[in-house]
């Protein structure tokens, strides 16, 4: 079983960078993910119509190979 979490927390990413055997990947949820949700919600209320469709948002997988790109040493989390 593979379990992912942490939402891109800096300390979790550091753990991945250090090669921890229990945490070898994470998923990053960028703050920009909220923009499409707000747009869809606003459209729903503006049109009073159901919103249908599939909305796929990019959420990068963080592994040891790319963790440094997502690590910010000065971050409080």
PDB file of N, CA and C in Angstrom:
ATOM      1  N   UNK A   1       0.840  -1.170   0.000  1.00  0.00           N
ATOM      2  CA  UNK A   1       0.000   0.000   0.000  1.00  0.00           C
ATOM      3  C   UNK A   1       0.890   1.239   0.000  1.00  0.00           C
ATOM      4  N   UNK A   2       0.512   2.200  -0.817  1.00  0.00           N
ATOM      5  CA  UNK A   2       1.219   3.475  -0.866  1.00  0.00           C
ATOM      6  C   UNK A   2       0.281   4.549  -0.358  1.00  0.00           C
ATOM      7  N   UNK A   3       0.781   5.351   0.553  1.00  0.00           N
ATOM      8  CA  UNK A   3       0.003   6.426   1.140  1.00  0.00           C
ATOM      9  C   UNK A   3       0.771   7.723   0.936  1.00  0.00           C
ATOM     10  N   UNK A   4       0.137   8.726   0.360  1.00  0.00           N
ATOM     11  CA  UNK A   4       0.794  10.007   0.134  1.00  0.00           C
ATOM     12  C   UNK A   4       0.055  11.097   0.891  1.00  0.00           C
ATOM     13  N   UNK A   5       0.794  12.058   1.359  1.00  0.00           N
ATOM     14  CA  UNK A   5       0.194  13.181   2.055  1.00  0.00           C
ATOM     15  C   UNK A   5       1.258  14.199   2.370  1.00  0.00           C
ATOM     16  N   UNK A   6       0.898  15.198   3.122  1.00  0.00           N
ATOM     17  CA  UNK A   6       1.858  16.228   3.497  1.00  0.00           C
ATOM     18  C   UNK A   6       1.646  17.529   2.774  1.00  0.00           C
ATOM     19  N   UNK A   7       0.968  17.492   1.640  1.00  0.00           N
ATOM     20  CA  UNK A   7       0.607  18.699   0.878  1.00  0.00           C
ATOM     21  C   UNK A   7       1.795  19.590   0.569  1.00  0.00           C
ATOM     22  N   UNK A   8       2.952  19.008   0.403  1.00  0.00           N
ATOM     23  CA  UNK A   8       4.129  19.799   0.061  1.00  0.00           C
ATOM     24  C   UNK A   8       4.764  20.501   1.241  1.00  0.00           C
ATOM     25  N   UNK A   9       4.489  20.022   2.450  1.00  0.00           N
ATOM     26  CA  UNK A   9       5.096  20.637   3.633  1.00  0.00           C
ATOM     27  C   UNK A   9       6.619  20.540   3.530  1.00  0.00           C
ATOM     28  N   UNK A  10       7.296  21.612   3.854  1.00  0.00           N
ATOM     29  CA  UNK A  10       8.741  21.697   3.712  1.00  0.00           C
ATOM     30  C   UNK A  10       9.466  20.582   4.474  1.00  0.00           C
ATOM     31  N   UNK A  11       9.044  20.287   5.672  1.00  0.00           N
ATOM     32  CA  UNK A  11       9.732  19.247   6.451  1.00  0.00           C
ATOM     33  C   UNK A  11       9.529  17.862   5.842  1.00  0.00           C
ATOM     34  N   UNK A  12       8.393  17.629   5.217  1.00  0.00           N
ATOM     35  CA  UNK A  12       8.160  16.355   4.541  1.00  0.00           C
ATOM     36  C   UNK A  12       9.048  16.263   3.307  1.00  0.00           C
ATOM     37  N   UNK A  13       9.161  17.341   2.579  1.00  0.00           N
ATOM     38  CA  UNK A  13      10.023  17.357   1.395  1.00  0.00           C
ATOM     39  C   UNK A  13      11.478  17.126   1.800  1.00  0.00           C
ATOM     40  N   UNK A  14      11.898  17.721   2.887  1.00  0.00           N
ATOM     41  CA  UNK A  14      13.274  17.507   3.384  1.00  0.00           C
ATOM     42  C   UNK A  14      13.481  16.038   3.724  1.00  0.00           C
ATOM     43  N   UNK A  15      12.486  15.403   4.302  1.00  0.00           N
ATOM     44  CA  UNK A  15      12.572  13.981   4.631  1.00  0.00           C
ATOM     45  C   UNK A  15      12.761  13.154   3.361  1.00  0.00           C
ATOM     46  N   UNK A  16      12.054  13.521   2.309  1.00  0.00           N
ATOM     47  CA  UNK A  16      12.192  12.835   1.020  1.00  0.00           C
ATOM     48  C   UNK A  16      13.603  13.049   0.476  1.00  0.00           C
ATOM     49  N   UNK A  17      14.087  14.273   0.546  1.00  0.00           N
ATOM     50  CA  UNK A  17      15.434  14.578   0.064  1.00  0.00           C
ATOM     51  C   UNK A  17      16.485  13.772   0.808  1.00  0.00           C
ATOM     52  N   UNK A  18      16.249  13.540   2.098  1.00  0.00           N
ATOM     53  CA  UNK A  18      17.203  12.800   2.923  1.00  0.00           C
ATOM     54  C   UNK A  18      17.149  11.296   2.693  1.00  0.00           C
ATOM     55  N   UNK A  19      16.190  10.829   1.882  1.00  0.00           N
ATOM     56  CA  UNK A  19      16.116   9.408   1.549  1.00  0.00           C
ATOM     57  C   UNK A  19      15.421   8.546   2.586  1.00  0.00           C
ATOM     58  N   UNK A  20      14.501   9.112   3.348  1.00  0.00           N
ATOM     59  CA  UNK A  20      13.746   8.343   4.345  1.00  0.00           C
ATOM     60  C   UNK A  20      13.015   7.180   3.664  1.00  0.00           C
ATOM     61  N   UNK A  21      13.107   6.006   4.223  1.00  0.00           N
ATOM     62  CA  UNK A  21      12.488   4.818   3.623  1.00  0.00           C
ATOM     63  C   UNK A  21      10.965   4.784   3.799  1.00  0.00           C
ATOM     64  N   UNK A  22      10.448   5.494   4.780  1.00  0.00           N
ATOM     65  CA  UNK A  22       9.001   5.504   5.010  1.00  0.00           C
ATOM     66  C   UNK A  22       8.274   6.556   4.177  1.00  0.00           C
ATOM     67  N   UNK A  23       8.966   7.633   3.873  1.00  0.00           N
ATOM     68  CA  UNK A  23       8.341   8.708   3.096  1.00  0.00           C
ATOM     69  C   UNK A  23       9.212   8.942   1.867  1.00  0.00           C
ATOM     70  N   UNK A  24       8.817   8.368   0.746  1.00  0.00           N
ATOM     71  CA  UNK A  24       9.638   8.532  -0.449  1.00  0.00           C
ATOM     72  C   UNK A  24       8.967   9.373  -1.528  1.00  0.00           C
ATOM     73  N   UNK A  25       7.760   9.864  -1.254  1.00  0.00           N
ATOM     74  CA  UNK A  25       7.071  10.719  -2.216  1.00  0.00           C
ATOM     75  C   UNK A  25       6.016  11.553  -1.495  1.00  0.00           C
ATOM     76  N   UNK A  26       5.592  12.605  -2.166  1.00  0.00           N
ATOM     77  CA  UNK A  26       4.594  13.511  -1.623  1.00  0.00           C
ATOM     78  C   UNK A  26       3.883  14.152  -2.812  1.00  0.00           C
ATOM     79  N   UNK A  27       2.766  14.747  -2.562  1.00  0.00           N
ATOM     80  CA  UNK A  27       2.046  15.464  -3.603  1.00  0.00           C
ATOM     81  C   UNK A  27       1.966  16.918  -3.191  1.00  0.00           C
ATOM     82  N   UNK A  28       2.280  17.792  -4.114  1.00  0.00           N
ATOM     83  CA  UNK A  28       2.278  19.224  -3.847  1.00  0.00           C
ATOM     84  C   UNK A  28       0.965  19.833  -4.315  1.00  0.00           C
ATOM     85  N   UNK A  29       0.303  20.552  -3.436  1.00  0.00           N
ATOM     86  CA  UNK A  29      -0.929  21.252  -3.783  1.00  0.00           C
ATOM     87  C   UNK A  29      -0.625  22.746  -3.818  1.00  0.00           C
ATOM     88  N   UNK A  30      -0.316  23.280  -4.992  1.00  0.00           N
ATOM     89  CA  UNK A  30       0.028  24.703  -5.064  1.00  0.00           C
ATOM     90  C   UNK A  30      -1.155  25.593  -4.700  1.00  0.00           C
ATOM     91  N   UNK A  31      -0.890  26.752  -4.123  1.00  0.00           N
ATOM     92  CA  UNK A  31      -1.964  27.678  -3.754  1.00  0.00           C
ATOM     93  C   UNK A  31      -2.842  28.072  -4.940  1.00  0.00           C
ATOM     94  N   UNK A  32      -2.308  27.983  -6.140  1.00  0.00           N
ATOM     95  CA  UNK A  32      -3.072  28.374  -7.326  1.00  0.00           C
ATOM     96  C   UNK A  32      -4.224  27.417  -7.619  1.00  0.00           C
ATOM     97  N   UNK A  33      -4.306  26.296  -6.927  1.00  0.00           N
ATOM     98  CA  UNK A  33      -5.416  25.373  -7.151  1.00  0.00           C
ATOM     99  C   UNK A  33      -6.760  25.988  -6.749  1.00  0.00           C
ATOM    100  N   UNK A  34      -6.739  26.992  -5.906  1.00  0.00           N
ATOM    101  CA  UNK A  34      -7.986  27.596  -5.444  1.00  0.00           C
ATOM    102  C   UNK A  34      -8.650  28.430  -6.539  1.00  0.00           C
ATOM    103  N   UNK A  35      -7.872  28.996  -7.460  1.00  0.00           N
ATOM    104  CA  UNK A  35      -8.432  29.870  -8.498  1.00  0.00           C
ATOM    105  C   UNK A  35      -9.498  29.173  -9.348  1.00  0.00           C
ATOM    106  N   UNK A  36      -9.237  27.977  -9.893  1.00  0.00           N
ATOM    107  CA  UNK A  36     -10.287  27.319 -10.681  1.00  0.00           C
ATOM    108  C   UNK A  36     -11.532  26.993  -9.849  1.00  0.00           C
ATOM    109  N   UNK A  37     -11.353  26.653  -8.595  1.00  0.00           N
ATOM    110  CA  UNK A  37     -12.504  26.356  -7.737  1.00  0.00           C
ATOM    111  C   UNK A  37     -13.375  27.593  -7.553  1.00  0.00           C
ATOM    112  N   UNK A  38     -12.745  28.745  -7.359  1.00  0.00           N
ATOM    113  CA  UNK A  38     -13.493  29.995  -7.209  1.00  0.00           C
ATOM    114  C   UNK A  38     -14.220  30.335  -8.512  1.00  0.00           C
ATOM    115  N   UNK A  39     -13.539  30.164  -9.642  1.00  0.00           N
ATOM    116  CA  UNK A  39     -14.154  30.458 -10.942  1.00  0.00           C
ATOM    117  C   UNK A  39     -15.372  29.565 -11.194  1.00  0.00           C
ATOM    118  N   UNK A  40     -15.238  28.286 -10.906  1.00  0.00           N
ATOM    119  CA  UNK A  40     -16.343  27.344 -11.126  1.00  0.00           C
ATOM    120  C   UNK A  40     -17.518  27.684 -10.210  1.00  0.00           C
ATOM    121  N   UNK A  41     -17.221  27.995  -8.961  1.00  0.00           N
ATOM    122  CA  UNK A  41     -18.272  28.356  -8.011  1.00  0.00           C
ATOM    123  C   UNK A  41     -18.979  29.638  -8.441  1.00  0.00           C
ATOM    124  N   UNK A  42     -18.203  30.634  -8.869  1.00  0.00           N
ATOM    125  CA  UNK A  42     -18.795  31.894  -9.322  1.00  0.00           C
ATOM    126  C   UNK A  42     -19.675  31.665 -10.550  1.00  0.00           C
ATOM    127  N   UNK A  43     -19.207  30.826 -11.470  1.00  0.00           N
ATOM    128  CA  UNK A  43     -19.988  30.542 -12.669  1.00  0.00           C
ATOM    129  C   UNK A  43     -21.303  29.855 -12.300  1.00  0.00           C
ATOM    130  N   UNK A  44     -21.253  28.972 -11.341  1.00  0.00           N
ATOM    131  CA  UNK A  44     -22.458  28.256 -10.887  1.00  0.00           C
ATOM    132  C   UNK A  44     -23.492  29.240 -10.360  1.00  0.00           C
ATOM    133  N   UNK A  45     -23.071  30.171  -9.532  1.00  0.00           N
ATOM    134  CA  UNK A  45     -24.008  31.133  -8.954  1.00  0.00           C
ATOM    135  C   UNK A  45     -24.436  32.195  -9.958  1.00  0.00           C
ATOM    136  N   UNK A  46     -23.576  32.560 -10.879  1.00  0.00           N
ATOM    137  CA  UNK A  46     -23.925  33.578 -11.884  1.00  0.00           C
ATOM    138  C   UNK A  46     -24.940  33.048 -12.892  1.00  0.00           C
ATOM    139  N   UNK A  47     -24.809  31.779 -13.255  1.00  0.00           N
ATOM    140  CA  UNK A  47     -25.697  31.217 -14.282  1.00  0.00           C
ATOM    141  C   UNK A  47     -26.888  30.468 -13.703  1.00  0.00           C
ATOM    142  N   UNK A  48     -26.824  30.153 -12.416  1.00  0.00           N
ATOM    143  CA  UNK A  48     -27.864  29.361 -11.752  1.00  0.00           C
ATOM    144  C   UNK A  48     -28.066  28.008 -12.452  1.00  0.00           C
ATOM    145  N   UNK A  49     -27.028  27.529 -13.105  1.00  0.00           N
ATOM    146  CA  UNK A  49     -27.081  26.249 -13.804  1.00  0.00           C
ATOM    147  C   UNK A  49     -26.061  25.292 -13.202  1.00  0.00           C
ATOM    148  N   UNK A  50     -26.349  24.007 -13.265  1.00  0.00           N
ATOM    149  CA  UNK A  50     -25.358  23.040 -12.782  1.00  0.00           C
ATOM    150  C   UNK A  50     -24.082  23.101 -13.632  1.00  0.00           C
ATOM    151  N   UNK A  51     -22.979  22.907 -13.007  1.00  0.00           N
ATOM    152  CA  UNK A  51     -21.699  22.869 -13.705  1.00  0.00           C
ATOM    153  C   UNK A  51     -21.324  21.404 -13.876  1.00  0.00           C
ATOM    154  N   UNK A  52     -21.135  21.014 -15.107  1.00  0.00           N
ATOM    155  CA  UNK A  52     -20.790  19.633 -15.385  1.00  0.00           C
ATOM    156  C   UNK A  52     -19.411  19.578 -16.032  1.00  0.00           C
ATOM    157  N   UNK A  53     -18.815  18.447 -15.941  1.00  0.00           N
ATOM    158  CA  UNK A  53     -17.531  18.256 -16.599  1.00  0.00           C
ATOM    159  C   UNK A  53     -16.493  17.746 -15.629  1.00  0.00           C
ATOM    160  N   UNK A  54     -15.356  17.548 -16.152  1.00  0.00           N
ATOM    161  CA  UNK A  54     -14.243  17.039 -15.364  1.00  0.00           C
ATOM    162  C   UNK A  54     -13.157  18.107 -15.357  1.00  0.00           C
ATOM    163  N   UNK A  55     -12.655  18.400 -14.201  1.00  0.00           N
ATOM    164  CA  UNK A  55     -11.633  19.427 -14.053  1.00  0.00           C
ATOM    165  C   UNK A  55     -10.392  18.769 -13.462  1.00  0.00           C
ATOM    166  N   UNK A  56      -9.353  18.665 -14.261  1.00  0.00           N
ATOM    167  CA  UNK A  56      -8.105  18.039 -13.829  1.00  0.00           C
ATOM    168  C   UNK A  56      -7.090  19.144 -13.566  1.00  0.00           C
ATOM    169  N   UNK A  57      -6.613  19.199 -12.340  1.00  0.00           N
ATOM    170  CA  UNK A  57      -5.652  20.224 -11.958  1.00  0.00           C
ATOM    171  C   UNK A  57      -4.304  19.567 -11.687  1.00  0.00           C
ATOM    172  N   UNK A  58      -3.258  20.233 -12.099  1.00  0.00           N
ATOM    173  CA  UNK A  58      -1.914  19.697 -11.937  1.00  0.00           C
ATOM    174  C   UNK A  58      -1.501  19.723 -10.468  1.00  0.00           C
ATOM    175  N   UNK A  59      -1.052  18.595  -9.997  1.00  0.00           N
ATOM    176  CA  UNK A  59      -0.544  18.475  -8.638  1.00  0.00           C
ATOM    177  C   UNK A  59       0.694  17.589  -8.711  1.00  0.00           C
ATOM    178  N   UNK A  60       1.872  18.187  -8.808  1.00  0.00           N
ATOM    179  CA  UNK A  60       3.081  17.417  -9.064  1.00  0.00           C
ATOM    180  C   UNK A  60       3.412  16.398  -7.983  1.00  0.00           C
ATOM    181  N   UNK A  61       3.941  15.268  -8.427  1.00  0.00           N
ATOM    182  CA  UNK A  61       4.445  14.242  -7.519  1.00  0.00           C
ATOM    183  C   UNK A  61       5.876  14.615  -7.166  1.00  0.00           C
ATOM    184  N   UNK A  62       6.157  14.692  -5.877  1.00  0.00           N
ATOM    185  CA  UNK A  62       7.498  15.037  -5.408  1.00  0.00           C
ATOM    186  C   UNK A  62       8.207  13.746  -5.014  1.00  0.00           C
ATOM    187  N   UNK A  63       9.355  13.524  -5.618  1.00  0.00           N
ATOM    188  CA  UNK A  63      10.182  12.359  -5.304  1.00  0.00           C
ATOM    189  C   UNK A  63      11.591  12.856  -4.984  1.00  0.00           C
ATOM    190  N   UNK A  64      12.462  11.944  -4.625  1.00  0.00           N
ATOM    191  CA  UNK A  64      13.836  12.334  -4.326  1.00  0.00           C
ATOM    192  C   UNK A  64      14.483  13.011  -5.541  1.00  0.00           C
ATOM    193  N   UNK A  65      14.072  12.611  -6.735  1.00  0.00           N
ATOM    194  CA  UNK A  65      14.656  13.155  -7.965  1.00  0.00           C
ATOM    195  C   UNK A  65      14.330  14.634  -8.174  1.00  0.00           C
ATOM    196  N   UNK A  66      13.177  15.109  -7.684  1.00  0.00           N
ATOM    197  CA  UNK A  66      12.804  16.510  -7.915  1.00  0.00           C
ATOM    198  C   UNK A  66      12.511  17.284  -6.622  1.00  0.00           C
ATOM    199  N   UNK A  67      12.731  16.682  -5.465  1.00  0.00           N
ATOM    200  CA  UNK A  67      12.372  17.310  -4.186  1.00  0.00           C
ATOM    201  C   UNK A  67      13.058  18.648  -3.969  1.00  0.00           C
ATOM    202  N   UNK A  68      14.288  18.772  -4.428  1.00  0.00           N
ATOM    203  CA  UNK A  68      15.025  20.023  -4.216  1.00  0.00           C
ATOM    204  C   UNK A  68      14.308  21.216  -4.860  1.00  0.00           C
ATOM    205  N   UNK A  69      13.619  20.970  -5.948  1.00  0.00           N
ATOM    206  CA  UNK A  69      12.871  22.017  -6.640  1.00  0.00           C
ATOM    207  C   UNK A  69      11.720  22.570  -5.789  1.00  0.00           C
ATOM    208  N   UNK A  70      11.202  21.752  -4.875  1.00  0.00           N
ATOM    209  CA  UNK A  70      10.060  22.137  -4.042  1.00  0.00           C
ATOM    210  C   UNK A  70      10.445  22.459  -2.596  1.00  0.00           C
ATOM    211  N   UNK A  71      11.737  22.388  -2.283  1.00  0.00           N
ATOM    212  CA  UNK A  71      12.208  22.617  -0.908  1.00  0.00           C
ATOM    213  C   UNK A  71      12.635  24.067  -0.733  1.00  0.00           C
ATOM    214  N   UNK A  72      12.105  24.695   0.310  1.00  0.00           N
ATOM    215  CA  UNK A  72      12.442  26.074   0.627  1.00  0.00           C
ATOM    216  C   UNK A  72      12.958  26.109   2.070  1.00  0.00           C
ATOM    217  N   UNK A  73      14.260  26.122   2.272  1.00  0.00           N
ATOM    218  CA  UNK A  73      14.854  26.027   3.613  1.00  0.00           C
ATOM    219  C   UNK A  73      14.346  27.041   4.624  1.00  0.00           C
ATOM    220  N   UNK A  74      13.934  28.212   4.179  1.00  0.00           N
ATOM    221  CA  UNK A  74      13.480  29.256   5.098  1.00  0.00           C
ATOM    222  C   UNK A  74      11.991  29.175   5.420  1.00  0.00           C
ATOM    223  N   UNK A  75      11.298  28.219   4.836  1.00  0.00           N
ATOM    224  CA  UNK A  75       9.865  28.081   5.084  1.00  0.00           C
ATOM    225  C   UNK A  75       9.609  27.594   6.512  1.00  0.00           C
ATOM    226  N   UNK A  76       8.606  28.126   7.202  1.00  0.00           N
ATOM    227  CA  UNK A  76       8.325  27.718   8.582  1.00  0.00           C
ATOM    228  C   UNK A  76       7.703  26.325   8.698  1.00  0.00           C
ATOM    229  N   UNK A  77       7.181  25.786   7.630  1.00  0.00           N
ATOM    230  CA  UNK A  77       6.549  24.473   7.705  1.00  0.00           C
ATOM    231  C   UNK A  77       7.465  23.434   7.162  1.00  0.00           C
TER     232      UNK A  77
END
